[in-house]
Amino acid sequence: MLKLPHVYLLIGVLFVGSAVLNAIDRRWLQAAFWAIIAAPCLFGEQILAASKAGTAWPAQAMGAGVIAIAVLAALIRSRPIEDDPEQAAAREASAARLRDRLFAPVLAIPVIVAALVLGARPSGSPIPRLLDPAQVSLISLGVAATIALIAALVVTRSRPLRGLTEGRRLLDTIGWPVVLPVMLATLGVVFVDTGVGKAVAALVDAAIPTSSALTCLLAFGLGMVVFTAIMGNAFAAFPVMMAGIGLPLLVKLHGAQPAVLGAIGMLTGYCGTLITPMAANFNIVPVLLLDLPDQNAVIRAQWPTALVLLIANLILMSILVFR
């Protein structure tokens, strides 16, 4: 049976390969960065087991790793990996020959994920025997990405090593924002464990009439947007807002449906992602990849959509959450 650690192993292999290729090219800072990121992917189970056994060094090592990648991210200067003229010409010729077929492997990913996740629900389905039912969506994404990679190699008639070299090219082009969602999700859990959610609950209780369900819902939705804009990702805002407003006030006090609140609330948080430069992986990376002269060009294009989506989400939550 495939489990989530198997997916992390595949991700770790990609990071190790990127580190090795950068070391070969004497890009030592990039090599060190991806090597550190690879470590928890490859040895996460062992680190977790040692931590549960009461050993202190895994947590200390992970903390040192976080500090190290923060320092490396500040030191690394983006230096694109350029093809020589012959390779560039071959790449353009291949793109012209394949045209829309290049999109087939990418579009296959959501199709495969949907098929596996939905196919795992009926009783008697063989999928839960192949994929861990507790993490079927994430494992399905890993399976779909692997199948898409194989399909891309077939379509482009490339060798497997090409997947690693192009993956490394993309990782180095994007840089540290690749790991930003994971770091922010971890930060959100840290905030909850250190009592930030309780502080938010106390602030809301003092600022608004908590007896009003719609007022609490409005505070939750706008809080998701504001906190996401500050932190840069809804992954960090969600646990704090749910611990401070969602669970104690909306679910327990006013009987809101947690599944609906979580789904639409998370989407509401991403309205904040659309309008903040802190969301580097969404709003800064496209500027770098497209070489746009205005660093805020993506945000300028997105804010009207964010406003419309925020209003729509608030209306949907007010209708659906308390049904």
C-alpha atoms as a PDB file:
ATOM      1  CA  MET A   1       0.000   0.000   0.000  1.00  0.00           C
ATOM      2  CA  LEU A   2       1.239   3.457  -0.909  1.00  0.00           C
ATOM      3  CA  LYS A   3       1.405   5.854   2.021  1.00  0.00           C
ATOM      4  CA  LEU A   4       2.236   9.531   2.371  1.00  0.00           C
ATOM      5  CA  PRO A   5       5.885   8.882   3.348  1.00  0.00           C
ATOM      6  CA  HIS A   6       6.379   7.312  -0.101  1.00  0.00           C
ATOM      7  CA  VAL A   7       5.318  10.600  -1.700  1.00  0.00           C
ATOM      8  CA  TYR A   8       7.725  12.499   0.524  1.00  0.00           C
ATOM      9  CA  LEU A   9      10.491  10.129  -0.554  1.00  0.00           C
ATOM     10  CA  LEU A  10       9.863  11.005  -4.200  1.00  0.00           C
ATOM     11  CA  ILE A  11       9.947  14.718  -3.352  1.00  0.00           C
ATOM     12  CA  GLY A  12      13.153  14.174  -1.403  1.00  0.00           C
ATOM     13  CA  VAL A  13      14.745  12.438  -4.390  1.00  0.00           C
ATOM     14  CA  LEU A  14      13.954  15.480  -6.543  1.00  0.00           C
ATOM     15  CA  PHE A  15      15.527  17.811  -3.996  1.00  0.00           C
ATOM     16  CA  VAL A  16      18.611  15.593  -3.652  1.00  0.00           C
ATOM     17  CA  GLY A  17      18.975  15.482  -7.428  1.00  0.00           C
ATOM     18  CA  SER A  18      18.740  19.262  -7.590  1.00  0.00           C
ATOM     19  CA  ALA A  19      21.372  19.561  -4.863  1.00  0.00           C
ATOM     20  CA  VAL A  20      23.727  17.190  -6.707  1.00  0.00           C
ATOM     21  CA  LEU A  21      23.318  18.972 -10.048  1.00  0.00           C
ATOM     22  CA  ASN A  22      23.936  22.341  -8.402  1.00  0.00           C
ATOM     23  CA  ALA A  23      27.034  20.965  -6.679  1.00  0.00           C
ATOM     24  CA  ILE A  24      28.331  19.698 -10.034  1.00  0.00           C
ATOM     25  CA  ASP A  25      27.855  23.219 -11.420  1.00  0.00           C
ATOM     26  CA  ARG A  26      29.559  24.678  -8.317  1.00  0.00           C
ATOM     27  CA  ARG A  27      26.411  26.463  -7.216  1.00  0.00           C
ATOM     28  CA  TRP A  28      27.187  25.663  -3.605  1.00  0.00           C
ATOM     29  CA  LEU A  29      24.536  27.788  -1.902  1.00  0.00           C
ATOM     30  CA  GLN A  30      21.736  26.326  -4.001  1.00  0.00           C
ATOM     31  CA  ALA A  31      23.104  22.819  -3.426  1.00  0.00           C
ATOM     32  CA  ALA A  32      23.126  23.324   0.342  1.00  0.00           C
ATOM     33  CA  PHE A  33      19.617  24.809   0.306  1.00  0.00           C
ATOM     34  CA  TRP A  34      18.011  21.880  -1.526  1.00  0.00           C
ATOM     35  CA  ALA A  35      20.004  19.321   0.467  1.00  0.00           C
ATOM     36  CA  ILE A  36      18.633  20.715   3.729  1.00  0.00           C
ATOM     37  CA  ILE A  37      15.085  20.723   2.337  1.00  0.00           C
ATOM     38  CA  ALA A  38      15.542  17.102   1.214  1.00  0.00           C
ATOM     39  CA  ALA A  39      16.496  15.844   4.683  1.00  0.00           C
ATOM     40  CA  PRO A  40      13.033  15.907   6.346  1.00  0.00           C
ATOM     41  CA  CYS A  41      11.452  14.477   3.185  1.00  0.00           C
ATOM     42  CA  LEU A  42      13.819  11.502   3.204  1.00  0.00           C
ATOM     43  CA  PHE A  43      14.125  10.953   6.953  1.00  0.00           C
ATOM     44  CA  GLY A  44      10.872  12.391   8.293  1.00  0.00           C
ATOM     45  CA  GLU A  45       9.637   9.097   9.714  1.00  0.00           C
ATOM     46  CA  GLN A  46      12.880   8.545  11.631  1.00  0.00           C
ATOM     47  CA  ILE A  47      12.900  12.131  12.901  1.00  0.00           C
ATOM     48  CA  LEU A  48       9.291  11.827  14.075  1.00  0.00           C
ATOM     49  CA  ALA A  49       9.951   8.490  15.788  1.00  0.00           C
ATOM     50  CA  ALA A  50      12.987   9.887  17.596  1.00  0.00           C
ATOM     51  CA  SER A  51      11.020  12.934  18.738  1.00  0.00           C
ATOM     52  CA  LYS A  52       8.188  10.792  20.087  1.00  0.00           C
ATOM     53  CA  ALA A  53      10.765   8.729  21.965  1.00  0.00           C
ATOM     54  CA  GLY A  54      11.798  11.857  23.862  1.00  0.00           C
ATOM     55  CA  THR A  55      15.048  12.530  22.016  1.00  0.00           C
ATOM     56  CA  ALA A  56      15.835  16.249  21.839  1.00  0.00           C
ATOM     57  CA  TRP A  57      18.195  16.373  18.871  1.00  0.00           C
ATOM     58  CA  PRO A  58      15.596  15.931  16.061  1.00  0.00           C
ATOM     59  CA  ALA A  59      13.732  19.094  17.055  1.00  0.00           C
ATOM     60  CA  GLN A  60      17.007  20.962  17.501  1.00  0.00           C
ATOM     61  CA  ALA A  61      18.265  19.762  14.116  1.00  0.00           C
ATOM     62  CA  MET A  62      15.044  20.809  12.399  1.00  0.00           C
ATOM     63  CA  GLY A  63      15.235  24.227  14.045  1.00  0.00           C
ATOM     64  CA  ALA A  64      18.843  24.636  12.914  1.00  0.00           C
ATOM     65  CA  GLY A  65      17.781  23.599   9.408  1.00  0.00           C
ATOM     66  CA  VAL A  66      15.053  26.254   9.314  1.00  0.00           C
ATOM     67  CA  ILE A  67      17.568  28.923  10.357  1.00  0.00           C
ATOM     68  CA  ALA A  68      20.046  27.643   7.767  1.00  0.00           C
ATOM     69  CA  ILE A  69      17.602  27.786   4.859  1.00  0.00           C
ATOM     70  CA  ALA A  70      16.524  31.294   5.924  1.00  0.00           C
ATOM     71  CA  VAL A  71      20.166  32.426   5.829  1.00  0.00           C
ATOM     72  CA  LEU A  72      20.788  30.676   2.512  1.00  0.00           C
ATOM     73  CA  ALA A  73      17.640  32.186   0.988  1.00  0.00           C
ATOM     74  CA  ALA A  74      18.967  35.650   1.872  1.00  0.00           C
ATOM     75  CA  LEU A  75      22.391  34.888   0.381  1.00  0.00           C
ATOM     76  CA  ILE A  76      21.311  33.204  -2.852  1.00  0.00           C
ATOM     77  CA  ARG A  77      21.151  35.485  -5.839  1.00  0.00           C
ATOM     78  CA  SER A  78      18.976  34.233  -8.673  1.00  0.00           C
ATOM     79  CA  ARG A  79      21.157  33.125 -11.560  1.00  0.00           C
ATOM     80  CA  PRO A  80      19.106  31.455 -14.315  1.00  0.00           C
ATOM     81  CA  ILE A  81      20.485  28.279 -15.870  1.00  0.00           C
ATOM     82  CA  GLU A  82      20.940  29.145 -19.526  1.00  0.00           C
ATOM     83  CA  ASP A  83      21.029  26.679 -22.412  1.00  0.00           C
ATOM     84  CA  ASP A  84      23.743  26.992 -24.992  1.00  0.00           C
ATOM     85  CA  PRO A  85      22.482  28.188 -28.423  1.00  0.00           C
ATOM     86  CA  GLU A  86      22.229  24.650 -29.785  1.00  0.00           C
ATOM     87  CA  GLN A  87      20.146  23.422 -26.843  1.00  0.00           C
ATOM     88  CA  ALA A  88      17.929  26.516 -26.983  1.00  0.00           C
ATOM     89  CA  ALA A  89      17.265  25.963 -30.674  1.00  0.00           C
ATOM     90  CA  ALA A  90      16.437  22.299 -30.053  1.00  0.00           C
ATOM     91  CA  ARG A  91      14.046  23.288 -27.262  1.00  0.00           C
ATOM     92  CA  GLU A  92      12.215  25.780 -29.486  1.00  0.00           C
ATOM     93  CA  ALA A  93      12.002  23.285 -32.334  1.00  0.00           C
ATOM     94  CA  SER A  94      10.575  20.642 -30.011  1.00  0.00           C
ATOM     95  CA  ALA A  95       7.985  23.089 -28.652  1.00  0.00           C
ATOM     96  CA  ALA A  96       6.953  24.055 -32.178  1.00  0.00           C
ATOM     97  CA  ARG A  97       6.594  20.377 -33.138  1.00  0.00           C
ATOM     98  CA  LEU A  98       4.615  19.285 -30.098  1.00  0.00           C
ATOM     99  CA  ARG A  99       2.452  22.401 -29.674  1.00  0.00           C
ATOM    100  CA  ASP A 100      -0.692  21.683 -27.622  1.00  0.00           C
ATOM    101  CA  ARG A 101       0.381  18.125 -26.856  1.00  0.00           C
ATOM    102  CA  LEU A 102       2.715  19.602 -24.242  1.00  0.00           C
ATOM    103  CA  PHE A 103      -0.299  20.392 -22.077  1.00  0.00           C
ATOM    104  CA  ALA A 104      -1.631  16.816 -22.010  1.00  0.00           C
ATOM    105  CA  PRO A 105       0.588  15.576 -19.134  1.00  0.00           C
ATOM    106  CA  VAL A 106      -0.227  18.644 -17.025  1.00  0.00           C
ATOM    107  CA  LEU A 107      -3.970  18.363 -17.605  1.00  0.00           C
ATOM    108  CA  ALA A 108      -3.791  14.678 -16.760  1.00  0.00           C
ATOM    109  CA  ILE A 109      -2.889  15.482 -13.132  1.00  0.00           C
ATOM    110  CA  PRO A 110      -6.295  16.823 -11.960  1.00  0.00           C
ATOM    111  CA  VAL A 111      -8.100  14.133 -13.975  1.00  0.00           C
ATOM    112  CA  ILE A 112      -6.125  11.327 -12.318  1.00  0.00           C
ATOM    113  CA  VAL A 113      -6.469  12.848  -8.846  1.00  0.00           C
ATOM    114  CA  ALA A 114     -10.239  13.222  -9.243  1.00  0.00           C
ATOM    115  CA  ALA A 115     -10.555   9.658 -10.560  1.00  0.00           C
ATOM    116  CA  LEU A 116      -8.585   8.167  -7.664  1.00  0.00           C
ATOM    117  CA  VAL A 117     -10.247  10.222  -4.918  1.00  0.00           C
ATOM    118  CA  LEU A 118     -13.786   9.684  -6.197  1.00  0.00           C
ATOM    119  CA  GLY A 119     -13.053   6.071  -7.071  1.00  0.00           C
ATOM    120  CA  ALA A 120     -11.970   5.365  -3.495  1.00  0.00           C
ATOM    121  CA  ARG A 121     -15.380   6.236  -2.044  1.00  0.00           C
ATOM    122  CA  PRO A 122     -17.632   3.349  -3.198  1.00  0.00           C
ATOM    123  CA  SER A 123     -17.626   0.311  -0.948  1.00  0.00           C
ATOM    124  CA  GLY A 124     -15.648  -2.556  -2.406  1.00  0.00           C
ATOM    125  CA  SER A 125     -13.359  -0.248  -4.381  1.00  0.00           C
ATOM    126  CA  PRO A 126      -9.825  -1.639  -4.726  1.00  0.00           C
ATOM    127  CA  ILE A 127      -8.261   1.826  -4.402  1.00  0.00           C
ATOM    128  CA  PRO A 128      -8.262   1.917  -0.553  1.00  0.00           C
ATOM    129  CA  ARG A 129      -6.232  -1.284  -0.645  1.00  0.00           C
ATOM    130  CA  LEU A 130      -3.634   0.423  -2.847  1.00  0.00           C
ATOM    131  CA  LEU A 131      -3.622   3.943  -1.373  1.00  0.00           C
ATOM    132  CA  ASP A 132      -3.780   4.798   2.318  1.00  0.00           C
ATOM    133  CA  PRO A 133      -7.432   5.898   2.862  1.00  0.00           C
ATOM    134  CA  ALA A 134      -6.359   8.405   5.524  1.00  0.00           C
ATOM    135  CA  GLN A 135      -4.356  10.448   2.978  1.00  0.00           C
ATOM    136  CA  VAL A 136      -5.887   9.372  -0.313  1.00  0.00           C
ATOM    137  CA  SER A 137      -6.040  12.888  -1.829  1.00  0.00           C
ATOM    138  CA  LEU A 138      -2.366  13.735  -1.196  1.00  0.00           C
ATOM    139  CA  ILE A 139      -1.170  10.292  -2.266  1.00  0.00           C
ATOM    140  CA  SER A 140      -3.318  10.557  -5.405  1.00  0.00           C
ATOM    141  CA  LEU A 141      -1.598  13.839  -6.216  1.00  0.00           C
ATOM    142  CA  GLY A 142       1.801  12.147  -5.900  1.00  0.00           C
ATOM    143  CA  VAL A 143       0.689   9.260  -8.118  1.00  0.00           C
ATOM    144  CA  ALA A 144      -0.777  11.666 -10.677  1.00  0.00           C
ATOM    145  CA  ALA A 145       2.407  13.751 -10.778  1.00  0.00           C
ATOM    146  CA  THR A 146       4.502  10.619 -11.327  1.00  0.00           C
ATOM    147  CA  ILE A 147       2.247   9.417 -14.140  1.00  0.00           C
ATOM    148  CA  ALA A 148       2.303  12.905 -15.663  1.00  0.00           C
ATOM    149  CA  LEU A 149       6.113  12.891 -15.587  1.00  0.00           C
ATOM    150  CA  ILE A 150       6.215   9.560 -17.405  1.00  0.00           C
ATOM    151  CA  ALA A 151       3.684  10.860 -19.929  1.00  0.00           C
ATOM    152  CA  ALA A 152       5.753  14.014 -20.466  1.00  0.00           C
ATOM    153  CA  LEU A 153       8.859  11.932 -21.147  1.00  0.00           C
ATOM    154  CA  VAL A 154       6.911   9.839 -23.665  1.00  0.00           C
ATOM    155  CA  VAL A 155       5.400  12.871 -25.395  1.00  0.00           C
ATOM    156  CA  THR A 156       8.707  14.715 -25.651  1.00  0.00           C
ATOM    157  CA  ARG A 157      10.729  11.530 -26.311  1.00  0.00           C
ATOM    158  CA  SER A 158      13.165  12.504 -23.581  1.00  0.00           C
ATOM    159  CA  ARG A 159      15.288  10.413 -21.254  1.00  0.00           C
ATOM    160  CA  PRO A 160      14.296  10.153 -17.551  1.00  0.00           C
ATOM    161  CA  LEU A 161      17.250  12.335 -16.561  1.00  0.00           C
ATOM    162  CA  ARG A 162      15.583  15.189 -18.422  1.00  0.00           C
ATOM    163  CA  GLY A 163      12.828  15.244 -15.813  1.00  0.00           C
ATOM    164  CA  LEU A 164      15.415  15.779 -13.086  1.00  0.00           C
ATOM    165  CA  THR A 165      17.350  18.466 -14.948  1.00  0.00           C
ATOM    166  CA  GLU A 166      14.226  20.415 -15.887  1.00  0.00           C
ATOM    167  CA  GLY A 167      12.855  20.016 -12.360  1.00  0.00           C
ATOM    168  CA  ARG A 168      16.102  21.430 -11.031  1.00  0.00           C
ATOM    169  CA  ARG A 169      15.881  24.317 -13.504  1.00  0.00           C
ATOM    170  CA  LEU A 170      12.383  25.176 -12.292  1.00  0.00           C
ATOM    171  CA  LEU A 171      13.323  24.877  -8.606  1.00  0.00           C
ATOM    172  CA  ASP A 172      16.323  27.156  -9.041  1.00  0.00           C
ATOM    173  CA  THR A 173      14.275  29.668 -11.032  1.00  0.00           C
ATOM    174  CA  ILE A 174      11.579  29.872  -8.369  1.00  0.00           C
ATOM    175  CA  GLY A 175      13.989  29.524  -5.442  1.00  0.00           C
ATOM    176  CA  TRP A 176      12.973  29.740  -1.783  1.00  0.00           C
ATOM    177  CA  PRO A 177       9.244  30.485  -2.393  1.00  0.00           C
ATOM    178  CA  VAL A 178       8.872  26.785  -3.267  1.00  0.00           C
ATOM    179  CA  VAL A 179       8.952  25.893   0.428  1.00  0.00           C
ATOM    180  CA  LEU A 180       6.983  28.930   1.627  1.00  0.00           C
ATOM    181  CA  PRO A 181       3.545  27.199   1.865  1.00  0.00           C
ATOM    182  CA  VAL A 182       4.982  24.413   4.022  1.00  0.00           C
ATOM    183  CA  MET A 183       6.767  26.885   6.285  1.00  0.00           C
ATOM    184  CA  LEU A 184       3.646  29.006   6.697  1.00  0.00           C
ATOM    185  CA  ALA A 185       1.445  25.992   7.425  1.00  0.00           C
ATOM    186  CA  THR A 186       3.926  24.978  10.115  1.00  0.00           C
ATOM    187  CA  LEU A 187       3.912  28.523  11.468  1.00  0.00           C
ATOM    188  CA  GLY A 188       0.121  28.422  11.759  1.00  0.00           C
ATOM    189  CA  VAL A 189       0.328  25.289  13.928  1.00  0.00           C
ATOM    190  CA  VAL A 190       3.014  26.955  16.058  1.00  0.00           C
ATOM    191  CA  PHE A 191       0.750  29.983  16.555  1.00  0.00           C
ATOM    192  CA  VAL A 192      -2.097  27.771  17.741  1.00  0.00           C
ATOM    193  CA  ASP A 193       0.144  25.841  20.139  1.00  0.00           C
ATOM    194  CA  THR A 194       1.526  29.077  21.604  1.00  0.00           C
ATOM    195  CA  GLY A 195      -1.941  30.510  22.316  1.00  0.00           C
ATOM    196  CA  VAL A 196      -2.384  33.000  19.461  1.00  0.00           C
ATOM    197  CA  GLY A 197      -5.800  31.505  18.722  1.00  0.00           C
ATOM    198  CA  LYS A 198      -6.922  32.154  22.307  1.00  0.00           C
ATOM    199  CA  ALA A 199      -5.635  35.721  22.072  1.00  0.00           C
ATOM    200  CA  VAL A 200      -7.654  36.241  18.884  1.00  0.00           C
ATOM    201  CA  ALA A 201     -10.744  34.817  20.610  1.00  0.00           C
ATOM    202  CA  ALA A 202     -10.322  37.204  23.542  1.00  0.00           C
ATOM    203  CA  LEU A 203      -9.868  40.175  21.180  1.00  0.00           C
ATOM    204  CA  VAL A 204     -12.949  39.272  19.150  1.00  0.00           C
ATOM    205  CA  ASP A 205     -15.009  38.743  22.310  1.00  0.00           C
ATOM    206  CA  ALA A 206     -14.081  42.237  23.463  1.00  0.00           C
ATOM    207  CA  ALA A 207     -14.573  43.924  20.089  1.00  0.00           C
ATOM    208  CA  ILE A 208     -17.811  42.475  18.668  1.00  0.00           C
ATOM    209  CA  PRO A 209     -21.156  41.159  19.958  1.00  0.00           C
ATOM    210  CA  THR A 210     -20.499  37.417  19.888  1.00  0.00           C
ATOM    211  CA  SER A 211     -24.207  36.727  20.351  1.00  0.00           C
ATOM    212  CA  SER A 212     -24.705  37.607  16.680  1.00  0.00           C
ATOM    213  CA  ALA A 213     -23.874  34.689  14.385  1.00  0.00           C
ATOM    214  CA  LEU A 214     -23.517  36.903  11.295  1.00  0.00           C
ATOM    215  CA  THR A 215     -21.171  39.271  13.111  1.00  0.00           C
ATOM    216  CA  CYS A 216     -18.954  36.359  14.168  1.00  0.00           C
ATOM    217  CA  LEU A 217     -19.048  35.017  10.615  1.00  0.00           C
ATOM    218  CA  LEU A 218     -18.024  38.405   9.233  1.00  0.00           C
ATOM    219  CA  ALA A 219     -15.173  38.604  11.757  1.00  0.00           C
ATOM    220  CA  PHE A 220     -14.042  35.118  10.751  1.00  0.00           C
ATOM    221  CA  GLY A 221     -14.096  35.877   7.010  1.00  0.00           C
ATOM    222  CA  LEU A 222     -12.393  39.252   7.238  1.00  0.00           C
ATOM    223  CA  GLY A 223      -9.940  37.872   9.794  1.00  0.00           C
ATOM    224  CA  MET A 224      -8.961  35.129   7.348  1.00  0.00           C
ATOM    225  CA  VAL A 225      -8.302  37.771   4.677  1.00  0.00           C
ATOM    226  CA  VAL A 226      -6.321  40.120   6.939  1.00  0.00           C
ATOM    227  CA  PHE A 227      -4.263  37.418   8.628  1.00  0.00           C
ATOM    228  CA  THR A 228      -3.550  35.783   5.257  1.00  0.00           C
ATOM    229  CA  ALA A 229      -2.420  39.113   3.819  1.00  0.00           C
ATOM    230  CA  ILE A 230      -0.067  39.588   6.773  1.00  0.00           C
ATOM    231  CA  MET A 231       1.367  36.065   6.733  1.00  0.00           C
ATOM    232  CA  GLY A 232       1.205  35.553   2.973  1.00  0.00           C
ATOM    233  CA  ASN A 233      -0.750  32.289   2.944  1.00  0.00           C
ATOM    234  CA  ALA A 234      -4.096  30.985   4.151  1.00  0.00           C
ATOM    235  CA  PHE A 235      -2.347  27.904   5.537  1.00  0.00           C
ATOM    236  CA  ALA A 236      -1.001  30.055   8.369  1.00  0.00           C
ATOM    237  CA  ALA A 237      -4.239  31.964   8.923  1.00  0.00           C
ATOM    238  CA  PHE A 238      -6.628  29.003   8.941  1.00  0.00           C
ATOM    239  CA  PRO A 239      -5.608  27.230  12.178  1.00  0.00           C
ATOM    240  CA  VAL A 240      -5.454  30.531  14.065  1.00  0.00           C
ATOM    241  CA  MET A 241      -8.857  31.773  12.860  1.00  0.00           C
ATOM    242  CA  MET A 242     -10.489  28.389  13.411  1.00  0.00           C
ATOM    243  CA  ALA A 243      -9.040  28.138  16.930  1.00  0.00           C
ATOM    244  CA  GLY A 244      -9.959  31.736  17.782  1.00  0.00           C
ATOM    245  CA  ILE A 245     -13.322  32.263  16.057  1.00  0.00           C
ATOM    246  CA  GLY A 246     -14.413  29.304  13.944  1.00  0.00           C
ATOM    247  CA  LEU A 247     -14.619  26.527  16.523  1.00  0.00           C
ATOM    248  CA  PRO A 248     -15.484  28.352  19.781  1.00  0.00           C
ATOM    249  CA  LEU A 249     -17.906  30.943  18.382  1.00  0.00           C
ATOM    250  CA  LEU A 250     -19.308  29.680  15.095  1.00  0.00           C
ATOM    251  CA  VAL A 251     -19.322  25.902  15.519  1.00  0.00           C
ATOM    252  CA  LYS A 252     -19.865  25.480  19.271  1.00  0.00           C
ATOM    253  CA  LEU A 253     -21.845  28.641  20.078  1.00  0.00           C
ATOM    254  CA  HIS A 254     -23.904  29.104  16.906  1.00  0.00           C
ATOM    255  CA  GLY A 255     -23.964  25.564  15.480  1.00  0.00           C
ATOM    256  CA  ALA A 256     -22.164  26.246  12.194  1.00  0.00           C
ATOM    257  CA  GLN A 257     -21.321  23.285   9.974  1.00  0.00           C
ATOM    258  CA  PRO A 258     -17.535  22.837  10.312  1.00  0.00           C
ATOM    259  CA  ALA A 259     -17.035  21.250   6.873  1.00  0.00           C
ATOM    260  CA  VAL A 260     -18.732  24.125   5.041  1.00  0.00           C
ATOM    261  CA  LEU A 261     -17.055  26.708   7.252  1.00  0.00           C
ATOM    262  CA  GLY A 262     -13.632  25.188   6.663  1.00  0.00           C
ATOM    263  CA  ALA A 263     -14.017  24.836   2.900  1.00  0.00           C
ATOM    264  CA  ILE A 264     -15.381  28.307   2.149  1.00  0.00           C
ATOM    265  CA  GLY A 265     -13.328  29.908   4.929  1.00  0.00           C
ATOM    266  CA  MET A 266     -10.109  28.627   3.415  1.00  0.00           C
ATOM    267  CA  LEU A 267     -11.115  29.988   0.011  1.00  0.00           C
ATOM    268  CA  THR A 268     -11.952  33.315   1.653  1.00  0.00           C
ATOM    269  CA  GLY A 269      -8.440  33.431   3.089  1.00  0.00           C
ATOM    270  CA  TYR A 270      -7.000  33.167  -0.388  1.00  0.00           C
ATOM    271  CA  CYS A 271      -8.642  36.492  -1.213  1.00  0.00           C
ATOM    272  CA  GLY A 272      -5.916  37.893   1.037  1.00  0.00           C
ATOM    273  CA  THR A 273      -3.295  35.903  -0.853  1.00  0.00           C
ATOM    274  CA  LEU A 274      -4.294  37.637  -4.076  1.00  0.00           C
ATOM    275  CA  ILE A 275      -3.568  41.121  -2.707  1.00  0.00           C
ATOM    276  CA  THR A 276      -0.329  40.779  -0.751  1.00  0.00           C
ATOM    277  CA  PRO A 277       3.337  40.722  -1.794  1.00  0.00           C
ATOM    278  CA  MET A 278       3.907  38.449   1.211  1.00  0.00           C
ATOM    279  CA  ALA A 279       2.453  35.641  -0.910  1.00  0.00           C
ATOM    280  CA  ALA A 280       5.706  35.417  -2.812  1.00  0.00           C
ATOM    281  CA  ASN A 281       5.027  32.022  -4.367  1.00  0.00           C
ATOM    282  CA  PHE A 282       1.800  33.355  -5.929  1.00  0.00           C
ATOM    283  CA  ASN A 283       2.539  37.000  -6.637  1.00  0.00           C
ATOM    284  CA  ILE A 284       6.318  37.376  -6.916  1.00  0.00           C
ATOM    285  CA  VAL A 285       7.275  34.129  -8.670  1.00  0.00           C
ATOM    286  CA  PRO A 286       5.087  34.862 -11.760  1.00  0.00           C
ATOM    287  CA  VAL A 287       6.769  38.261 -12.025  1.00  0.00           C
ATOM    288  CA  LEU A 288      10.168  36.547 -12.041  1.00  0.00           C
ATOM    289  CA  LEU A 289       9.159  33.822 -14.473  1.00  0.00           C
ATOM    290  CA  LEU A 290       7.539  36.272 -16.898  1.00  0.00           C
ATOM    291  CA  ASP A 291      10.241  38.921 -16.371  1.00  0.00           C
ATOM    292  CA  LEU A 292       7.643  41.653 -15.756  1.00  0.00           C
ATOM    293  CA  PRO A 293       8.966  45.188 -15.130  1.00  0.00           C
ATOM    294  CA  ASP A 294       6.370  45.949 -12.405  1.00  0.00           C
ATOM    295  CA  GLN A 295       6.887  43.785  -9.297  1.00  0.00           C
ATOM    296  CA  ASN A 296       3.254  44.365  -8.268  1.00  0.00           C
ATOM    297  CA  ALA A 297       1.773  43.691 -11.715  1.00  0.00           C
ATOM    298  CA  VAL A 298       0.172  40.411 -10.639  1.00  0.00           C
ATOM    299  CA  ILE A 299      -1.396  41.977  -7.540  1.00  0.00           C
ATOM    300  CA  ARG A 300      -2.774  44.881  -9.591  1.00  0.00           C
ATOM    301  CA  ALA A 301      -4.439  42.405 -11.939  1.00  0.00           C
ATOM    302  CA  GLN A 302      -5.826  40.245  -9.129  1.00  0.00           C
ATOM    303  CA  TRP A 303      -7.318  42.639  -6.563  1.00  0.00           C
ATOM    304  CA  PRO A 304     -10.687  43.140  -8.341  1.00  0.00           C
ATOM    305  CA  THR A 305     -11.127  39.363  -8.486  1.00  0.00           C
ATOM    306  CA  ALA A 306     -10.206  39.132  -4.802  1.00  0.00           C
ATOM    307  CA  LEU A 307     -12.849  41.708  -3.862  1.00  0.00           C
ATOM    308  CA  VAL A 308     -15.616  40.006  -5.867  1.00  0.00           C
ATOM    309  CA  LEU A 309     -14.623  36.588  -4.517  1.00  0.00           C
ATOM    310  CA  LEU A 310     -14.589  37.871  -0.932  1.00  0.00           C
ATOM    311  CA  ILE A 311     -18.130  39.256  -1.219  1.00  0.00           C
ATOM    312  CA  ALA A 312     -19.354  36.047  -2.869  1.00  0.00           C
ATOM    313  CA  ASN A 313     -17.752  33.870  -0.190  1.00  0.00           C
ATOM    314  CA  LEU A 314     -19.230  35.898   2.655  1.00  0.00           C
ATOM    315  CA  ILE A 315     -22.682  35.588   1.105  1.00  0.00           C
ATOM    316  CA  LEU A 316     -22.249  31.847   0.551  1.00  0.00           C
ATOM    317  CA  MET A 317     -21.106  31.287   4.118  1.00  0.00           C
ATOM    318  CA  SER A 318     -24.026  33.262   5.533  1.00  0.00           C
ATOM    319  CA  ILE A 319     -26.417  31.063   3.520  1.00  0.00           C
ATOM    320  CA  LEU A 320     -24.804  27.634   3.848  1.00  0.00           C
ATOM    321  CA  VAL A 321     -22.879  27.553   7.120  1.00  0.00           C
ATOM    322  CA  PHE A 322     -25.906  27.647   9.446  1.00  0.00           C
ATOM    323  CA  ARG A 323     -28.191  25.314   7.469  1.00  0.00           C
END
